[in-house]
Amino acid sequence: MKKRIAIFGSTGSIGTQALEVIEANPDLFEVEILTAHSNDELLVQQALKFNPNAVVIVDEKKYQQVKSALSSTDVKVFAGEKALEEVAAFDTYDLMLAAIVGFAGLPPTLRALEGKKTIALANKETLVVAGEIVMNRSVVNKAPILPVDSEHSAIFQCLIGEYRNPIEKIILTASGGPFRGKKPNFLLNVKRDHALQHPNWSMGAKITIDSATLMNKGLEMIEAKWLFNLRPEQVQVIIHPQSIIHSMVQFEDGSIKAQMGLPDMKLPIQYALGFPTRLKNDFPRFDFKKINNLTFEEPDLKTFRNLALAIEALNKGGNLPCVLNAANEIAVWAFLRNRIGFLDMTDLIEKTMQKIPFIQTPTLEEYFDSDAEARNYAASILSM
């Protein structure tokens, strides 16, 4: 039987690449659900091509356009944020690819876990915001979470067959982004277009900016803590400019396992969709003869203070990672619209982390409240 896939965030970078993987394996997968925030034209194109059972356009102003464009098909059309949760509760799919960017991906993922669905998780913010609740729900409902981020997929692959062998630490690799080695006086004048030019990966705008500030790696540290049940001190980051080693696991005997390959998100996407089977593909292969220099260096926490703030949130826990994430989403939004400078993003995040009351063991409702408070406060800073 074909595996029925629901892609939440189908018009983004991860979603479009996942559809390429599905198209290349028509005997193994079929598309059941597609969702988009506001890109109605691409959503319609995808729906006409893959003929899902249902689509969701979050921007309700575009509902009629999507409904009209798909009127000659049997595709059910829904609109609004609540529709994401309602469709996530459908029993007509086997695996959700959670690829909605940011906090918005949390509610539908929780609903899918309640329905005992397997989650291929590309939305790191879901675990950053409410990792303990999400992982508990995964365990209680026996709903597996398969990582899609290249770093977490690498760790997951390294741990296959190592169930009884305790982890000493994991090592997340980072390319360093487009400004590796630069100092604050350079970053002061960085503009939007420059920051969007990642040296190795092709990603959406938000994640690309997070990579440039190293916030992405900080969020991945928090995600890894929850995914692999680690203590904060067991999660390490190293800069690896070539992006060939995607991450490593060190075991208690000192042995280190690494997963390697060219930087191509389709590989971890395909691994999650096909798990536990490795599917044959024609992706480009890494050639040791062509790359003879793999280098590593410590991250510069004084210059890239976003990573330091994320490590602070990782160590303190509670609702602080949720506050960090909310403030960062507002900061990146403002930077992409030329409202603030590159270094101003860090200042905004730090002020918000200092302002929002700390809660050691938040309920799900308190996570939502903390997110809203942090967004409102960060937005108020922008209007000063």
Protein backbone atom coordinates (compact mmCIF):
# COMPACT_ATOMS: atom_id res chain seq x y z
CA MET A 1 0.00 0.00 0.00
CA LYS A 2 1.11 3.55 -0.72
CA LYS A 3 1.98 5.75 2.24
CA ARG A 4 -0.46 8.67 2.38
CA ILE A 5 1.34 11.95 3.03
CA ALA A 6 -0.02 15.21 4.48
CA ILE A 7 2.31 18.15 3.79
CA PHE A 8 1.68 21.06 6.13
CA GLY A 9 3.56 23.90 4.46
CA SER A 10 3.62 22.50 0.93
CA THR A 11 4.59 25.74 -0.85
CA GLY A 12 7.75 26.37 1.17
CA SER A 13 11.24 25.05 0.49
CA ILE A 14 10.78 21.77 2.39
CA GLY A 15 7.27 21.19 1.05
CA THR A 16 8.20 21.68 -2.60
CA GLN A 17 11.22 19.38 -2.29
CA ALA A 18 9.09 16.76 -0.56
CA LEU A 19 6.70 16.82 -3.51
CA GLU A 20 9.68 16.21 -5.81
CA VAL A 21 10.55 13.13 -3.73
CA ILE A 22 6.94 11.92 -3.89
CA GLU A 23 6.76 12.52 -7.63
CA ALA A 24 9.90 10.44 -8.11
CA ASN A 25 8.37 7.56 -6.11
CA PRO A 26 4.74 7.30 -7.29
CA ASP A 27 4.50 3.62 -6.33
CA LEU A 28 5.36 4.38 -2.70
CA PHE A 29 3.64 7.66 -1.83
CA GLU A 30 0.48 9.59 -2.54
CA VAL A 31 -0.46 13.11 -1.46
CA GLU A 32 -3.47 13.33 0.86
CA ILE A 33 -3.33 16.89 2.25
CA LEU A 34 -1.57 20.11 1.18
CA THR A 35 -1.55 23.39 3.10
CA ALA A 36 -0.17 26.86 2.44
CA HIS A 37 -0.23 30.16 4.27
CA SER A 38 -0.88 32.59 1.42
CA ASN A 39 0.71 31.26 -1.78
CA ASP A 40 -2.61 30.33 -3.38
CA GLU A 41 -1.26 30.10 -6.93
CA LEU A 42 1.36 27.47 -6.10
CA LEU A 43 -1.05 25.59 -3.84
CA VAL A 44 -3.53 25.34 -6.71
CA GLN A 45 -0.80 24.13 -9.09
CA GLN A 46 0.23 21.46 -6.58
CA ALA A 47 -3.37 20.37 -6.01
CA LEU A 48 -4.07 20.05 -9.72
CA LYS A 49 -0.92 17.97 -10.15
CA PHE A 50 -1.17 15.68 -7.12
CA ASN A 51 -4.96 15.57 -6.59
CA PRO A 52 -5.02 15.48 -2.77
CA ASN A 53 -8.12 14.81 -0.71
CA ALA A 54 -7.97 18.29 0.87
CA VAL A 55 -6.10 21.58 0.82
CA VAL A 56 -5.96 24.44 3.33
CA ILE A 57 -5.18 28.07 2.52
CA VAL A 58 -4.57 29.85 5.83
CA ASP A 59 -5.13 33.33 4.38
CA GLU A 60 -8.93 33.39 4.34
CA LYS A 61 -8.99 36.24 1.81
CA LYS A 62 -7.72 33.77 -0.79
CA TYR A 63 -10.26 31.03 -0.11
CA GLN A 64 -12.53 31.90 -3.04
CA GLN A 65 -9.63 31.95 -5.53
CA VAL A 66 -8.52 28.48 -4.44
CA LYS A 67 -12.08 27.15 -4.28
CA SER A 68 -12.85 28.44 -7.77
CA ALA A 69 -9.59 27.17 -9.28
CA LEU A 70 -10.26 23.65 -7.93
CA SER A 71 -14.01 23.59 -8.61
CA SER A 72 -13.62 21.04 -11.39
CA THR A 73 -11.86 18.58 -9.05
CA ASP A 74 -12.90 16.56 -6.01
CA VAL A 75 -10.38 18.39 -3.79
CA LYS A 76 -11.93 19.72 -0.57
CA VAL A 77 -10.88 23.32 0.18
CA PHE A 78 -10.60 24.78 3.69
CA ALA A 79 -9.34 28.14 4.97
CA GLY A 80 -8.01 29.68 8.19
CA GLU A 81 -5.65 28.72 11.00
CA LYS A 82 -8.25 26.59 12.76
CA ALA A 83 -8.69 24.59 9.57
CA LEU A 84 -5.08 23.44 9.90
CA GLU A 85 -5.95 21.74 13.19
CA GLU A 86 -9.21 20.34 11.85
CA VAL A 87 -7.54 18.82 8.79
CA ALA A 88 -4.65 17.52 10.94
CA ALA A 89 -7.28 15.52 12.83
CA PHE A 90 -8.36 13.70 9.63
CA ASP A 91 -7.89 9.95 9.68
CA THR A 92 -7.12 9.74 5.97
CA TYR A 93 -3.32 10.06 6.05
CA ASP A 94 -0.41 8.09 7.50
CA LEU A 95 2.37 10.64 7.90
CA MET A 96 2.42 14.39 8.42
CA LEU A 97 5.37 16.33 7.06
CA ALA A 98 5.36 19.26 9.51
CA ALA A 99 6.98 21.98 7.41
CA ILE A 100 5.09 25.10 8.50
CA VAL A 101 7.67 27.69 9.58
CA GLY A 102 7.56 29.02 13.14
CA PHE A 103 5.18 28.76 16.08
CA ALA A 104 2.21 28.29 13.71
CA GLY A 105 3.30 24.70 13.13
CA LEU A 106 2.72 23.66 16.75
CA PRO A 107 -1.10 23.33 16.97
CA PRO A 108 -1.61 21.08 13.91
CA THR A 109 1.33 18.91 14.96
CA LEU A 110 -0.22 18.39 18.38
CA ARG A 111 -3.53 17.40 16.76
CA ALA A 112 -1.75 14.93 14.50
CA LEU A 113 0.00 13.36 17.49
CA GLU A 114 -3.37 13.01 19.23
CA GLY A 115 -4.47 11.04 16.16
CA LYS A 116 -1.42 8.75 16.52
CA LYS A 117 0.07 9.96 13.22
CA THR A 118 3.75 9.64 12.41
CA ILE A 119 5.37 13.08 12.22
CA ALA A 120 8.23 13.91 9.87
CA LEU A 121 9.33 17.05 11.71
CA ALA A 122 10.87 19.88 9.71
CA ASN A 123 9.47 22.55 12.04
CA LYS A 124 12.08 22.90 14.79
CA GLU A 125 10.06 25.59 16.56
CA THR A 126 7.49 22.97 17.62
CA LEU A 127 10.04 21.41 19.99
CA VAL A 128 11.73 24.70 20.87
CA VAL A 129 8.42 26.12 22.08
CA ALA A 130 6.87 23.13 23.84
CA GLY A 131 9.32 20.24 23.61
CA GLU A 132 8.34 18.44 26.79
CA ILE A 133 4.61 18.48 25.99
CA VAL A 134 5.17 17.44 22.37
CA MET A 135 7.48 14.55 23.22
CA ASN A 136 5.17 13.35 26.00
CA ARG A 137 2.26 13.38 23.58
CA SER A 138 4.37 11.40 21.10
CA VAL A 139 5.12 8.74 23.73
CA VAL A 140 1.59 8.51 25.14
CA ASN A 141 0.03 8.14 21.68
CA LYS A 142 2.83 5.93 20.33
CA ALA A 143 3.21 8.40 17.46
CA PRO A 144 6.81 8.46 16.19
CA ILE A 145 8.58 11.74 15.43
CA LEU A 146 11.13 11.43 12.61
CA PRO A 147 13.51 14.40 12.25
CA VAL A 148 13.83 16.11 8.86
CA ASP A 149 16.35 18.84 9.71
CA SER A 150 19.60 17.65 8.14
CA GLU A 151 21.46 17.78 11.47
CA HIS A 152 18.84 15.88 13.45
CA SER A 153 18.32 13.41 10.65
CA ALA A 154 22.07 12.78 10.74
CA ILE A 155 21.98 12.10 14.48
CA PHE A 156 18.94 9.86 14.08
CA GLN A 157 20.72 7.87 11.38
CA CYS A 158 23.82 7.53 13.55
CA LEU A 159 21.73 6.15 16.42
CA ILE A 160 20.11 3.35 14.40
CA GLY A 161 21.32 0.10 16.00
CA GLU A 162 22.73 1.93 19.03
CA TYR A 163 19.64 1.73 21.24
CA ARG A 164 21.48 0.22 24.22
CA ASN A 165 24.56 2.44 23.94
CA PRO A 166 24.34 5.70 25.91
CA ILE A 167 25.25 8.94 24.20
CA GLU A 168 28.11 10.95 25.67
CA LYS A 169 27.35 13.99 23.50
CA ILE A 170 26.09 15.02 20.09
CA ILE A 171 27.89 17.47 17.83
CA LEU A 172 25.72 19.66 15.60
CA THR A 173 27.60 21.08 12.64
CA ALA A 174 26.98 24.58 11.28
CA SER A 175 28.24 26.12 8.06
CA GLY A 176 28.74 29.45 9.80
CA GLY A 177 26.49 31.16 7.28
CA PRO A 178 27.46 33.97 4.90
CA PHE A 179 29.20 36.04 7.61
CA ARG A 180 31.51 33.45 9.15
CA GLY A 181 34.62 35.18 10.49
CA LYS A 182 33.09 38.65 10.29
CA LYS A 183 33.08 41.05 13.26
CA PRO A 184 30.35 43.39 14.59
CA ASN A 185 31.63 46.45 12.70
CA PHE A 186 31.00 44.54 9.45
CA LEU A 187 27.62 43.14 10.53
CA LEU A 188 26.44 46.65 11.44
CA ASN A 189 25.93 47.41 7.75
CA VAL A 190 24.58 44.05 6.55
CA LYS A 191 21.47 44.35 4.40
CA ARG A 192 18.62 41.93 3.74
CA ASP A 193 19.78 40.71 0.32
CA HIS A 194 23.31 40.02 1.56
CA ALA A 195 22.02 38.00 4.52
CA LEU A 196 19.83 35.86 2.23
CA GLN A 197 22.85 34.55 0.30
CA HIS A 198 23.64 31.30 2.12
CA PRO A 199 26.89 29.66 0.94
CA ASN A 200 25.70 26.03 0.98
CA TRP A 201 21.96 25.55 1.45
CA SER A 202 18.88 26.68 -0.45
CA MET A 203 16.22 27.50 2.16
CA GLY A 204 13.31 29.81 2.86
CA ALA A 205 13.95 33.43 3.87
CA LYS A 206 13.29 33.00 7.60
CA ILE A 207 15.58 30.00 8.05
CA THR A 208 18.27 31.62 5.90
CA ILE A 209 18.34 34.68 8.16
CA ASP A 210 18.40 32.43 11.22
CA SER A 211 21.42 30.68 9.71
CA ALA A 212 23.16 34.01 9.12
CA THR A 213 22.71 34.98 12.80
CA LEU A 214 23.42 31.40 14.04
CA MET A 215 20.02 31.44 15.75
CA ASN A 216 19.11 28.45 13.62
CA LYS A 217 21.83 26.43 15.31
CA GLY A 218 20.65 27.56 18.73
CA LEU A 219 17.11 26.44 17.95
CA GLU A 220 18.51 23.12 16.73
CA MET A 221 20.33 22.65 20.04
CA ILE A 222 17.04 23.00 21.91
CA GLU A 223 15.28 20.72 19.44
CA ALA A 224 18.01 18.08 19.82
CA LYS A 225 17.68 18.11 23.61
CA TRP A 226 14.06 17.02 23.33
CA LEU A 227 14.34 14.72 20.32
CA PHE A 228 17.15 12.65 21.79
CA ASN A 229 16.43 13.08 25.54
CA LEU A 230 19.70 14.85 26.33
CA ARG A 231 20.99 17.19 28.99
CA PRO A 232 21.99 20.67 27.76
CA GLU A 233 25.69 19.95 28.34
CA GLN A 234 25.47 16.97 25.98
CA VAL A 235 24.69 19.20 22.98
CA GLN A 236 27.65 20.85 21.24
CA VAL A 237 27.94 23.06 18.14
CA ILE A 238 30.94 23.18 15.82
CA ILE A 239 31.42 25.27 12.68
CA HIS A 240 32.05 23.11 9.62
CA PRO A 241 32.09 25.42 6.56
CA GLN A 242 31.91 22.67 3.93
CA SER A 243 28.57 21.23 5.25
CA ILE A 244 29.60 17.67 4.33
CA ILE A 245 29.39 16.18 7.83
CA HIS A 246 25.81 16.90 8.85
CA SER A 247 26.26 16.02 12.53
CA MET A 248 27.95 13.48 14.80
CA VAL A 249 27.29 11.34 17.86
CA GLN A 250 29.98 10.51 20.42
CA PHE A 251 29.35 7.45 22.57
CA GLU A 252 30.68 6.64 26.03
CA ASP A 253 33.59 4.64 24.64
CA GLY A 254 34.82 7.74 22.77
CA SER A 255 33.77 6.48 19.34
CA ILE A 256 32.21 9.08 17.02
CA LYS A 257 29.72 8.27 14.26
CA ALA A 258 29.01 10.84 11.56
CA GLN A 259 26.54 11.06 8.70
CA MET A 260 27.99 12.65 5.57
CA GLY A 261 26.79 13.77 2.18
CA LEU A 262 26.35 16.77 -0.08
CA PRO A 263 24.13 19.55 1.31
CA ASP A 264 20.77 18.60 -0.22
CA MET A 265 17.57 18.69 1.87
CA LYS A 266 15.89 16.14 -0.37
CA LEU A 267 18.01 13.39 1.21
CA PRO A 268 16.76 13.82 4.83
CA ILE A 269 13.23 14.44 3.51
CA GLN A 270 13.33 11.19 1.55
CA TYR A 271 14.83 9.33 4.52
CA ALA A 272 11.96 10.45 6.79
CA LEU A 273 9.23 9.69 4.24
CA GLY A 274 10.62 6.25 3.42
CA PHE A 275 11.82 5.24 6.90
CA PRO A 276 12.93 2.58 7.72
CA THR A 277 13.79 1.92 4.06
CA ARG A 278 16.56 3.83 2.28
CA LEU A 279 15.15 4.62 -1.13
CA LYS A 280 17.28 4.59 -4.25
CA ASN A 281 17.67 7.97 -5.94
CA ASP A 282 19.75 9.85 -8.49
CA PHE A 283 20.81 12.72 -6.21
CA PRO A 284 24.40 13.97 -6.72
CA ARG A 285 26.99 11.95 -4.76
CA PHE A 286 29.84 13.23 -2.58
CA ASP A 287 33.24 12.54 -4.13
CA PHE A 288 36.22 12.44 -1.75
CA LYS A 289 38.57 13.12 -4.67
CA LYS A 290 36.99 16.53 -5.25
CA ILE A 291 36.89 17.76 -1.64
CA ASN A 292 40.07 17.07 0.30
CA ASN A 293 39.74 19.62 3.11
CA LEU A 294 37.12 19.33 5.83
CA THR A 295 37.64 21.96 8.54
CA PHE A 296 36.15 22.71 11.96
CA GLU A 297 36.20 25.71 14.31
CA GLU A 298 34.48 27.01 17.42
CA PRO A 299 31.50 29.34 16.95
CA ASP A 300 32.12 33.02 17.76
CA LEU A 301 29.59 33.60 20.55
CA LYS A 302 30.68 37.19 21.15
CA THR A 303 29.90 38.26 17.59
CA PHE A 304 26.94 35.96 16.97
CA ARG A 305 25.17 36.53 20.26
CA ASN A 306 21.93 34.94 19.06
CA LEU A 307 23.58 31.56 19.59
CA ALA A 308 24.63 32.58 23.10
CA LEU A 309 21.04 33.65 23.88
CA ALA A 310 19.74 30.31 22.60
CA ILE A 311 22.24 28.44 24.80
CA GLU A 312 21.01 30.50 27.77
CA ALA A 313 17.43 29.47 26.96
CA LEU A 314 18.50 25.83 26.54
CA ASN A 315 20.17 25.81 29.97
CA LYS A 316 17.40 27.63 31.83
CA GLY A 317 14.50 25.85 30.14
CA GLY A 318 10.90 26.58 31.15
CA ASN A 319 9.17 29.08 28.89
CA LEU A 320 12.41 30.89 27.98
CA PRO A 321 12.95 28.98 24.69
CA CYS A 322 9.35 29.86 23.76
CA VAL A 323 10.02 33.55 24.47
CA LEU A 324 13.31 33.40 22.54
CA ASN A 325 11.56 31.90 19.52
CA ALA A 326 8.69 34.40 19.52
CA ALA A 327 11.03 37.38 19.77
CA ASN A 328 13.24 35.95 17.04
CA GLU A 329 10.28 35.52 14.67
CA ILE A 330 9.36 39.19 15.16
CA ALA A 331 13.01 40.27 14.77
CA VAL A 332 13.49 38.34 11.51
CA TRP A 333 10.16 39.65 10.19
CA ALA A 334 11.29 43.20 10.89
CA PHE A 335 14.76 42.69 9.38
CA LEU A 336 13.33 41.20 6.18
CA ARG A 337 11.24 44.37 5.83
CA ASN A 338 14.22 46.67 6.51
CA ARG A 339 12.65 47.84 9.79
CA ILE A 340 15.74 47.02 11.88
CA GLY A 341 19.42 46.28 11.29
CA PHE A 342 21.16 42.92 11.45
CA LEU A 343 22.58 43.42 14.95
CA ASP A 344 19.34 45.00 16.19
CA MET A 345 17.70 41.57 15.95
CA THR A 346 19.84 40.32 18.84
CA ASP A 347 19.09 43.37 20.98
CA LEU A 348 15.34 42.93 20.44
CA ILE A 349 15.49 39.24 21.39
CA GLU A 350 17.59 39.89 24.50
CA LYS A 351 15.28 42.66 25.78
CA THR A 352 12.25 40.43 25.28
CA MET A 353 13.86 37.53 27.13
CA GLN A 354 14.57 39.86 30.05
CA LYS A 355 11.05 41.30 30.11
CA ILE A 356 8.68 38.31 29.89
CA PRO A 357 8.08 36.55 33.25
CA PHE A 358 9.86 33.20 33.59
CA ILE A 359 7.78 30.07 34.17
CA GLN A 360 9.70 26.94 35.14
CA THR A 361 7.07 24.32 34.21
CA PRO A 362 4.54 25.88 31.83
CA THR A 363 1.26 24.35 30.80
CA LEU A 364 0.37 24.33 27.10
CA GLU A 365 -1.86 27.37 27.69
CA GLU A 366 1.03 29.19 29.39
CA TYR A 367 3.26 28.45 26.38
CA PHE A 368 0.67 30.10 24.14
CA ASP A 369 0.40 33.05 26.54
CA SER A 370 4.19 33.43 26.71
CA ASP A 371 4.40 33.38 22.93
CA ALA A 372 1.75 36.10 22.62
CA GLU A 373 3.30 38.27 25.36
CA ALA A 374 6.75 37.99 23.79
CA ARG A 375 5.45 38.90 20.33
CA ASN A 376 3.53 41.89 21.66
CA TYR A 377 6.49 43.18 23.64
CA ALA A 378 8.92 42.69 20.74
CA ALA A 379 6.50 44.47 18.42
CA SER A 380 6.21 47.36 20.90
CA ILE A 381 9.98 47.82 20.76
CA LEU A 382 9.76 48.17 16.98
CA SER A 383 7.19 50.96 17.31
CA MET A 384 9.26 53.02 19.76
